[in-house]
Amino acid sequence: RLEFPDQEKGAIFFEVEQSIQGMHGPNRQFAGINFLETLVSEFSPSTASSMGLPKEFHDQCQLSLEVKFLKDFYCWAQAAVFNTADKILNSNVTIPEEKACSAALRLMLQILSWSFKPTLEHENLDAKIKSGLRSDAINLRKFERSLVKPGSLWTDILISSAHTTWVLNFYTTLRQKYSYDTLWGDSPIAVSCRQLIVQLCSLAGAVFPNDNGDAQIEHFMHILSAVILWIEPPNVIAESIRNGGSERLCKNYDHDLP
């Protein structure tokens, strides 16, 4: 609630953070992650319900979450995935831990689906679009409405930390581990991880350095290079795409990815 003092809100979120870090076991971890996912969904501009409250209230909550909490929530979810990854990859995971990992990936996706408000920084960057950008970078700009632009404050956790590389490697290792399982591709953890990767493809704006689009192109090509290796067998899938087909052609065809 907005009227809660910052100290009280801080105490509540401290307990939530402890749960998400797994301090109280995987079941509490899953519950804590689901709580934050519901909170983010409720006040995200695209998924908020009316709640019978004035629009101004929603606007205030959206701004408060975006400015004060969303980045922390993402970091907590990221840490939850890190904490369970080794157990999952080494076959020591329990069902509650796997559920918690899947929920954490969904929370990260939910946060990156947020309609971030444009800032002066974004406006200044957009004003420079035509000042020396390469044609491939300009083509990316044509899809601005579908891009995720959280701003430069997110650069440290989304770009410079090699976060995308870790997610790609995590999914690649999982695919190899469960290559014998024809149903694994539709499991919650596989679907959530692919959807997060798709959203990471959509990063744009001031989250990248102002370098005429070079960093953004490199980021996108890095993801594409990993995804290409997951398309098996490539000749069969390519032929199906040319013929307008969209069915799942083999157990390794990741249909969530672009």
Protein backbone atom coordinates (compact mmCIF):
# COMPACT_ATOMS: atom_id res chain seq x y z
CA ARG A 1 0.00 0.00 0.00
CA LEU A 2 1.23 3.46 -0.85
CA GLU A 3 0.42 4.86 2.56
CA PHE A 4 2.67 2.35 4.34
CA PRO A 5 5.87 4.01 5.58
CA ASP A 6 9.03 3.02 3.72
CA GLN A 7 10.36 1.22 6.79
CA GLU A 8 7.30 -1.01 6.97
CA LYS A 9 7.37 -1.74 3.26
CA GLY A 10 11.08 -2.48 3.56
CA ALA A 11 10.43 -5.00 6.34
CA ILE A 12 7.77 -6.78 4.28
CA PHE A 13 9.96 -7.02 1.20
CA PHE A 14 12.92 -8.17 3.31
CA GLU A 15 10.89 -11.20 4.40
CA VAL A 16 9.84 -11.81 0.80
CA GLU A 17 13.46 -11.60 -0.33
CA GLN A 18 14.53 -14.09 2.32
CA SER A 19 11.88 -16.52 1.10
CA ILE A 20 12.86 -16.08 -2.55
CA GLN A 21 16.51 -16.73 -1.72
CA GLY A 22 15.40 -20.12 -0.37
CA MET A 23 16.08 -19.34 3.29
CA HIS A 24 12.85 -21.05 4.35
CA GLY A 25 12.80 -23.96 1.90
CA PRO A 26 11.63 -24.42 -1.69
CA ASN A 27 7.91 -24.28 -0.91
CA ARG A 28 8.19 -20.85 0.72
CA GLN A 29 10.51 -19.84 -2.11
CA PHE A 30 7.87 -20.75 -4.68
CA ALA A 31 5.19 -18.88 -2.73
CA GLY A 32 7.35 -15.75 -2.44
CA ILE A 33 8.11 -15.73 -6.15
CA ASN A 34 4.44 -16.19 -7.02
CA PHE A 35 3.55 -13.30 -4.71
CA LEU A 36 5.90 -10.95 -6.58
CA GLU A 37 4.71 -12.21 -9.97
CA THR A 38 1.12 -11.45 -8.96
CA LEU A 39 2.14 -8.02 -7.67
CA VAL A 40 3.98 -7.12 -10.87
CA SER A 41 1.13 -8.41 -13.02
CA GLU A 42 -1.46 -6.47 -11.03
CA PHE A 43 0.21 -3.13 -11.54
CA SER A 44 1.79 -3.65 -14.95
CA PRO A 45 0.04 -1.24 -17.35
CA SER A 46 -0.88 -4.06 -19.76
CA THR A 47 -2.29 -6.55 -17.22
CA ALA A 48 -3.61 -4.43 -14.33
CA SER A 49 -7.19 -4.92 -13.13
CA SER A 50 -9.41 -2.03 -12.06
CA MET A 51 -9.62 -3.05 -8.37
CA GLY A 52 -12.35 -0.42 -8.07
CA LEU A 53 -9.73 2.22 -7.33
CA PRO A 54 -8.92 5.50 -9.14
CA LYS A 55 -6.58 5.37 -12.12
CA GLU A 56 -4.30 7.78 -10.27
CA PHE A 57 -3.76 5.09 -7.62
CA HIS A 58 -2.66 2.58 -10.25
CA ASP A 59 -0.40 5.18 -11.85
CA GLN A 60 1.27 5.88 -8.51
CA CYS A 61 1.76 2.17 -7.82
CA GLN A 62 3.18 1.59 -11.29
CA LEU A 63 5.67 4.41 -10.87
CA SER A 64 6.65 3.27 -7.38
CA LEU A 65 7.23 -0.32 -8.51
CA GLU A 66 9.18 0.71 -11.59
CA VAL A 67 11.45 3.19 -9.84
CA LYS A 68 11.98 1.51 -6.47
CA PHE A 69 11.39 -2.23 -6.76
CA LEU A 70 11.37 -3.85 -10.21
CA LYS A 71 15.13 -4.09 -10.57
CA ASP A 72 15.45 -5.59 -7.08
CA PHE A 73 12.69 -8.10 -7.86
CA TYR A 74 14.54 -9.14 -11.01
CA CYS A 75 17.79 -9.61 -9.09
CA TRP A 76 16.01 -11.72 -6.46
CA ALA A 77 14.49 -13.95 -9.14
CA GLN A 78 17.86 -14.18 -10.88
CA ALA A 79 19.49 -15.31 -7.63
CA ALA A 80 16.75 -17.92 -7.12
CA VAL A 81 17.51 -19.40 -10.54
CA PHE A 82 21.24 -19.40 -9.79
CA ASN A 83 20.66 -21.11 -6.44
CA THR A 84 18.70 -23.99 -7.98
CA ALA A 85 20.59 -24.33 -11.26
CA ASP A 86 23.38 -26.61 -9.98
CA LYS A 87 20.89 -29.00 -8.37
CA ILE A 88 18.78 -29.12 -11.52
CA LEU A 89 21.77 -29.76 -13.78
CA ASN A 90 23.23 -32.37 -11.41
CA SER A 91 19.97 -34.33 -11.00
CA ASN A 92 19.71 -33.53 -7.28
CA VAL A 93 16.68 -31.31 -7.66
CA THR A 94 13.32 -31.91 -5.97
CA ILE A 95 9.96 -31.08 -7.53
CA PRO A 96 9.48 -28.01 -5.29
CA GLU A 97 12.91 -26.67 -6.28
CA GLU A 98 12.19 -27.15 -9.97
CA LYS A 99 8.84 -25.37 -9.52
CA ALA A 100 10.63 -22.50 -7.78
CA CYS A 101 13.15 -22.21 -10.61
CA SER A 102 10.40 -22.17 -13.24
CA ALA A 103 8.49 -19.55 -11.24
CA ALA A 104 11.62 -17.38 -10.95
CA LEU A 105 12.12 -17.51 -14.73
CA ARG A 106 8.45 -16.52 -15.20
CA LEU A 107 8.89 -13.60 -12.81
CA MET A 108 11.90 -12.36 -14.77
CA LEU A 109 9.83 -12.61 -17.95
CA GLN A 110 6.94 -10.76 -16.29
CA ILE A 111 9.24 -7.94 -15.23
CA LEU A 112 10.75 -7.61 -18.72
CA SER A 113 7.19 -7.46 -20.08
CA TRP A 114 6.61 -4.27 -18.08
CA SER A 115 5.71 -1.19 -20.11
CA PHE A 116 8.59 0.96 -18.94
CA LYS A 117 7.82 4.66 -19.01
CA PRO A 118 9.96 6.72 -21.41
CA THR A 119 12.48 8.96 -19.69
CA LEU A 120 14.28 12.07 -20.85
CA GLU A 121 17.26 9.82 -21.43
CA HIS A 122 15.23 7.71 -23.88
CA GLU A 123 13.86 10.79 -25.61
CA ASN A 124 17.35 12.21 -26.10
CA LEU A 125 18.55 8.89 -27.50
CA ASP A 126 15.60 8.64 -29.87
CA ALA A 127 16.37 12.14 -31.12
CA LYS A 128 19.73 10.84 -32.33
CA ILE A 129 18.34 7.92 -34.34
CA LYS A 130 19.25 9.46 -37.66
CA SER A 131 22.68 10.67 -36.60
CA GLY A 132 24.96 8.01 -38.06
CA LEU A 133 23.17 4.75 -37.20
CA ARG A 134 23.92 1.84 -39.51
CA SER A 135 21.07 0.59 -41.67
CA ASP A 136 20.73 -2.64 -39.67
CA ALA A 137 20.39 -0.65 -36.44
CA ILE A 138 17.81 1.61 -38.07
CA ASN A 139 15.84 -1.47 -39.14
CA LEU A 140 15.73 -2.58 -35.52
CA ARG A 141 14.16 0.76 -34.65
CA LYS A 142 11.18 -0.08 -36.83
CA PHE A 143 10.05 -2.48 -34.12
CA GLU A 144 10.21 0.06 -31.27
CA ARG A 145 6.70 -0.67 -30.04
CA SER A 146 7.56 -4.29 -29.29
CA LEU A 147 10.95 -3.59 -27.75
CA VAL A 148 11.78 -3.56 -24.04
CA LYS A 149 13.49 -0.33 -22.94
CA PRO A 150 14.18 -0.38 -19.19
CA GLY A 151 16.88 2.30 -19.34
CA SER A 152 20.55 2.58 -18.43
CA LEU A 153 19.98 1.68 -14.77
CA TRP A 154 19.42 -1.91 -15.92
CA THR A 155 22.64 -2.15 -17.95
CA ASP A 156 24.61 -3.73 -15.12
CA ILE A 157 22.30 -6.72 -14.63
CA LEU A 158 21.06 -7.25 -18.20
CA ILE A 159 24.04 -6.39 -20.41
CA SER A 160 27.44 -5.96 -18.74
CA SER A 161 26.96 -8.88 -16.33
CA ALA A 162 26.80 -11.50 -19.14
CA HIS A 163 23.32 -12.39 -17.89
CA THR A 164 22.09 -13.34 -21.36
CA THR A 165 25.06 -15.66 -21.88
CA TRP A 166 24.27 -17.43 -18.61
CA VAL A 167 20.61 -17.95 -19.56
CA LEU A 168 21.58 -19.28 -23.00
CA ASN A 169 24.14 -21.66 -21.50
CA PHE A 170 21.65 -22.82 -18.86
CA TYR A 171 19.04 -23.69 -21.47
CA THR A 172 21.62 -25.32 -23.76
CA THR A 173 22.84 -27.56 -20.91
CA LEU A 174 19.27 -28.47 -19.94
CA ARG A 175 18.49 -29.45 -23.55
CA GLN A 176 21.54 -31.70 -23.60
CA LYS A 177 20.70 -33.22 -20.23
CA TYR A 178 17.13 -34.06 -21.23
CA SER A 179 17.78 -34.88 -24.90
CA TYR A 180 16.35 -38.37 -24.30
CA ASP A 181 13.00 -36.97 -23.09
CA THR A 182 10.63 -36.10 -25.95
CA LEU A 183 8.30 -34.26 -23.55
CA TRP A 184 10.89 -32.06 -21.84
CA GLY A 185 10.53 -29.28 -24.44
CA ASP A 186 7.03 -28.60 -23.14
CA SER A 187 7.98 -28.64 -19.46
CA PRO A 188 7.40 -25.44 -17.42
CA ILE A 189 11.11 -24.77 -16.95
CA ALA A 190 11.88 -25.21 -20.68
CA VAL A 191 8.99 -23.01 -21.80
CA SER A 192 9.76 -20.29 -19.24
CA CYS A 193 13.43 -20.23 -20.18
CA ARG A 194 12.70 -19.95 -23.91
CA GLN A 195 10.19 -17.17 -23.34
CA LEU A 196 12.73 -15.25 -21.26
CA ILE A 197 15.29 -15.61 -24.05
CA VAL A 198 12.77 -14.22 -26.54
CA GLN A 199 12.22 -11.25 -24.26
CA LEU A 200 15.95 -10.68 -23.92
CA CYS A 201 16.02 -10.44 -27.73
CA SER A 202 13.72 -7.42 -27.40
CA LEU A 203 16.00 -5.27 -25.25
CA ALA A 204 16.62 -1.82 -26.72
CA GLY A 205 17.22 1.81 -25.92
CA ALA A 206 19.48 3.23 -23.24
CA VAL A 207 20.11 -0.17 -21.64
CA PHE A 208 22.80 -0.37 -24.36
CA PRO A 209 25.65 2.13 -24.64
CA ASN A 210 25.21 4.97 -27.13
CA ASP A 211 27.47 3.45 -29.80
CA ASN A 212 25.41 3.70 -33.00
CA GLY A 213 23.65 0.41 -32.25
CA ASP A 214 26.77 -1.78 -32.20
CA ALA A 215 26.14 -3.27 -28.74
CA GLN A 216 22.50 -4.01 -29.51
CA ILE A 217 23.37 -5.75 -32.78
CA GLU A 218 26.08 -7.77 -31.00
CA HIS A 219 23.60 -8.74 -28.26
CA PHE A 220 21.03 -9.90 -30.80
CA MET A 221 23.56 -11.83 -32.88
CA HIS A 222 24.89 -13.55 -29.75
CA ILE A 223 21.40 -14.88 -29.00
CA LEU A 224 20.79 -15.82 -32.63
CA SER A 225 24.06 -17.77 -32.76
CA ALA A 226 22.92 -19.90 -29.82
CA VAL A 227 19.37 -20.39 -31.12
CA ILE A 228 20.58 -21.60 -34.53
CA LEU A 229 22.31 -24.54 -32.82
CA TRP A 230 19.00 -25.61 -31.27
CA ILE A 231 17.21 -25.91 -34.61
CA GLU A 232 17.53 -29.59 -35.47
CA PRO A 233 17.35 -30.83 -38.16
CA PRO A 234 17.80 -27.44 -39.87
CA ASN A 235 16.99 -28.55 -43.42
CA VAL A 236 13.66 -30.13 -42.42
CA ILE A 237 12.60 -27.14 -40.32
CA ALA A 238 13.67 -24.63 -42.98
CA GLU A 239 11.67 -26.50 -45.61
CA SER A 240 8.61 -26.55 -43.34
CA ILE A 241 8.88 -22.79 -42.75
CA ARG A 242 9.09 -22.17 -46.51
CA ASN A 243 5.96 -24.27 -46.96
CA GLY A 244 4.08 -22.42 -44.22
CA GLY A 245 4.23 -25.25 -41.69
CA SER A 246 4.36 -24.56 -37.96
CA GLU A 247 4.06 -28.03 -36.41
CA ARG A 248 6.61 -29.41 -33.98
CA LEU A 249 8.87 -31.37 -36.32
CA CYS A 250 11.20 -33.01 -33.89
CA LYS A 251 11.82 -33.19 -30.19
CA ASN A 252 14.50 -30.51 -30.32
CA TYR A 253 12.53 -27.88 -32.25
CA ASP A 254 12.00 -24.95 -29.86
CA HIS A 255 8.79 -23.40 -31.18
CA ASP A 256 8.75 -20.51 -28.73
CA LEU A 257 11.84 -18.94 -30.24
CA PRO A 258 11.75 -16.52 -33.18
